Amino acid sequence: MSISRSIKLGVAAIAVVGLLSGCTTENQTTPPSPAASSTPSRSMSAAEAVVAEVPGAKLEAARAWDGTTAYVTATLSVTEAFTGDAAALIDYSLAQLASQDEVDRGRFVRFSFEAPGQTLETTKALLASLSIESTQYAGGSSLELANQDMDDRYGTWPAAVPDLPASLITN
């Protein structure tokens, strides 16, 4: 190999490394867009807390993994103190979950609804009344909710923070 060709290859290698380094540095130092910085951050605990304001209701949600696949697991529980509309509570709780930006949805939401007399089939029917498709998750007692249905109902994750429905307000 000639010295001229070696020099050309060396210069080319340095140029490639320089370009790659420049891209990495630029991405690390690029400030967030004004829209991103003006959007307030909303934690998972904030979403859970507003659901807990409904008498007898509690939402617990967290990041979970199926191998290397990330998803969100959410359990909505009600006691006999809850006297409202179950479908409205599920809708409100899932909307609250979709409004937080601490944990992205991942591949899907695994959802459970624990209430007196509630079964997997009745939960599926309540979700279907909200136009949310669900399938039993791994033969267990929870349901996998379709991402597209979640986006169609609540908007792209994270979605807008919902208002408490009048049907869940108690006096």
Protein backbone atom coordinates (compact mmCIF):
# COMPACT_ATOMS: atom_id res chain seq x y z
CA MET A 1 0.00 0.00 0.00
CA SER A 2 1.39 3.37 -0.90
CA ILE A 3 2.03 6.11 1.64
CA SER A 4 -0.41 8.38 -0.21
CA ARG A 5 -3.21 5.83 0.09
CA SER A 6 -2.44 5.27 3.80
CA ILE A 7 -2.63 9.00 4.44
CA LYS A 8 -5.95 9.25 2.58
CA LEU A 9 -7.42 6.36 4.62
CA GLY A 10 -6.16 7.93 7.85
CA VAL A 11 -7.68 11.31 6.99
CA ALA A 12 -10.95 9.65 6.04
CA ALA A 13 -11.04 7.71 9.33
CA ILE A 14 -10.38 10.88 11.34
CA ALA A 15 -13.12 12.69 9.41
CA VAL A 16 -15.65 9.91 10.12
CA VAL A 17 -14.77 9.85 13.83
CA GLY A 18 -15.03 13.63 13.94
CA LEU A 19 -18.42 13.60 12.27
CA LEU A 20 -19.74 10.91 14.59
CA SER A 21 -18.42 12.74 17.64
CA GLY A 22 -19.99 15.97 16.43
CA CYS A 23 -23.40 14.30 16.08
CA THR A 24 -23.19 12.85 19.56
CA THR A 25 -22.07 16.11 21.11
CA GLU A 26 -24.74 18.10 19.31
CA ASN A 27 -27.49 15.73 20.46
CA GLN A 28 -26.30 15.90 24.06
CA THR A 29 -26.13 19.67 24.15
CA THR A 30 -29.22 20.54 22.11
CA PRO A 31 -31.66 22.26 24.50
CA PRO A 32 -35.21 20.93 24.73
CA SER A 33 -37.74 22.56 22.48
CA PRO A 34 -39.82 25.37 24.04
CA ALA A 35 -42.96 23.21 23.78
CA ALA A 36 -41.32 20.38 25.71
CA SER A 37 -40.11 22.66 28.49
CA SER A 38 -43.49 24.39 28.86
CA THR A 39 -45.37 21.11 29.30
CA PRO A 40 -45.60 20.36 33.02
CA SER A 41 -44.41 16.97 34.13
CA ARG A 42 -46.99 14.74 35.81
CA SER A 43 -45.99 11.82 38.01
CA MET A 44 -47.62 8.44 38.34
CA SER A 45 -48.32 9.19 42.01
CA ALA A 46 -50.23 12.35 41.01
CA ALA A 47 -52.48 10.30 38.73
CA GLU A 48 -53.00 7.71 41.47
CA ALA A 49 -53.76 10.42 44.05
CA VAL A 50 -56.62 12.00 42.08
CA VAL A 51 -58.26 8.60 41.57
CA ALA A 52 -57.97 8.02 45.35
CA GLU A 53 -60.10 11.17 45.85
CA VAL A 54 -63.09 9.16 44.57
CA PRO A 55 -64.53 7.50 47.71
CA GLY A 56 -63.68 3.79 47.78
CA ALA A 57 -61.37 3.88 44.73
CA LYS A 58 -57.63 3.25 44.43
CA LEU A 59 -55.36 3.05 41.38
CA GLU A 60 -51.89 1.51 41.55
CA ALA A 61 -49.72 1.53 38.45
CA ALA A 62 -46.07 0.90 37.66
CA ARG A 63 -43.57 -0.11 34.98
CA ALA A 64 -43.34 -3.84 34.41
CA TRP A 65 -41.43 -6.10 32.04
CA ASP A 66 -42.26 -9.17 29.99
CA GLY A 67 -38.75 -10.33 29.20
CA THR A 68 -37.31 -7.25 27.50
CA THR A 69 -40.72 -5.78 26.62
CA ALA A 70 -41.75 -2.83 28.77
CA TYR A 71 -45.38 -2.24 29.67
CA VAL A 72 -47.49 -0.63 32.40
CA THR A 73 -49.41 -2.65 34.92
CA ALA A 74 -52.42 -0.95 36.50
CA THR A 75 -54.80 -2.20 39.15
CA LEU A 76 -57.99 -0.31 39.94
CA SER A 77 -59.56 -1.40 43.21
CA VAL A 78 -62.85 -0.36 44.74
CA THR A 79 -64.42 -1.11 48.06
CA GLU A 80 -68.09 -1.15 48.94
CA ALA A 81 -67.71 2.57 49.73
CA PHE A 82 -67.66 3.18 45.97
CA THR A 83 -71.22 3.79 44.77
CA GLY A 84 -70.60 5.35 41.35
CA ASP A 85 -70.62 4.06 37.80
CA ALA A 86 -67.90 1.42 37.34
CA ALA A 87 -67.40 2.19 33.62
CA ALA A 88 -66.98 5.91 34.37
CA LEU A 89 -64.42 5.10 37.08
CA ILE A 90 -62.45 2.81 34.76
CA ASP A 91 -62.53 5.48 32.05
CA TYR A 92 -61.41 8.21 34.46
CA SER A 93 -58.65 6.03 35.93
CA LEU A 94 -57.25 5.02 32.53
CA ALA A 95 -57.40 8.67 31.41
CA GLN A 96 -55.45 9.64 34.53
CA LEU A 97 -52.91 6.91 33.78
CA ALA A 98 -52.57 8.16 30.20
CA SER A 99 -52.03 11.74 31.43
CA GLN A 100 -48.90 11.06 33.47
CA ASP A 101 -45.51 11.25 31.77
CA GLU A 102 -43.30 9.59 34.38
CA VAL A 103 -43.72 6.13 32.86
CA ASP A 104 -44.50 5.68 29.16
CA ARG A 105 -47.02 3.03 28.24
CA GLY A 106 -44.57 0.74 26.53
CA ARG A 107 -46.04 -2.05 24.45
CA PHE A 108 -49.38 -2.23 26.30
CA VAL A 109 -51.26 -1.70 29.56
CA ARG A 110 -52.01 -4.72 31.72
CA PHE A 111 -55.18 -3.84 33.61
CA SER A 112 -57.03 -5.39 36.55
CA PHE A 113 -60.27 -4.21 38.13
CA GLU A 114 -60.83 -5.52 41.63
CA ALA A 115 -64.33 -4.91 42.97
CA PRO A 116 -66.97 -6.86 44.87
CA GLY A 117 -68.61 -9.26 42.42
CA GLN A 118 -66.31 -8.26 39.56
CA THR A 119 -65.02 -10.94 37.16
CA LEU A 120 -62.67 -10.90 34.20
CA GLU A 121 -65.66 -11.10 31.85
CA THR A 122 -67.52 -8.20 33.47
CA THR A 123 -64.35 -6.10 33.33
CA LYS A 124 -63.98 -6.96 29.63
CA ALA A 125 -67.59 -5.85 29.06
CA LEU A 126 -67.00 -2.54 30.88
CA LEU A 127 -63.89 -1.90 28.75
CA ALA A 128 -65.78 -2.82 25.57
CA SER A 129 -68.44 -0.24 26.49
CA LEU A 130 -65.57 2.30 26.36
CA SER A 131 -64.42 0.97 22.95
CA ILE A 132 -61.25 -0.49 24.49
CA GLU A 133 -60.38 -3.95 23.25
CA SER A 134 -58.89 -6.30 25.83
CA THR A 135 -57.56 -9.83 25.96
CA GLN A 136 -56.73 -12.00 28.93
CA TYR A 137 -53.07 -11.57 29.83
CA ALA A 138 -51.14 -14.86 30.02
CA GLY A 139 -54.11 -16.83 31.35
CA GLY A 140 -54.26 -14.71 34.52
CA SER A 141 -56.75 -12.34 36.08
CA SER A 142 -55.65 -9.21 34.21
CA LEU A 143 -56.36 -7.88 30.74
CA GLU A 144 -54.05 -6.52 28.06
CA LEU A 145 -55.46 -3.30 26.60
CA ALA A 146 -54.91 -2.44 22.94
CA ASN A 147 -52.56 0.54 22.47
CA GLN A 148 -54.51 1.88 19.50
CA ASP A 149 -57.74 1.88 21.50
CA MET A 150 -55.98 3.73 24.33
CA ASP A 151 -54.66 6.35 21.87
CA ASP A 152 -58.07 6.67 20.19
CA ARG A 153 -59.83 7.22 23.51
CA TYR A 154 -57.32 9.33 25.48
CA GLY A 155 -54.91 10.74 22.91
CA THR A 156 -51.22 10.15 22.39
CA TRP A 157 -49.37 9.27 25.60
CA PRO A 158 -49.04 11.44 27.67
CA ALA A 159 -52.56 12.74 27.13
CA ALA A 160 -54.44 15.69 28.60
CA VAL A 161 -55.34 15.56 32.28
CA PRO A 162 -59.04 14.64 32.54
CA ASP A 163 -61.68 16.31 34.69
CA LEU A 164 -63.58 14.28 37.24
CA PRO A 165 -66.84 13.12 35.64
CA ALA A 166 -70.02 14.39 37.28
CA SER A 167 -71.17 10.78 37.76
CA LEU A 168 -68.27 10.21 40.18
CA ILE A 169 -68.78 13.36 42.26
CA THR A 170 -70.36 12.62 45.64
CA ASN A 171 -71.94 15.18 47.92
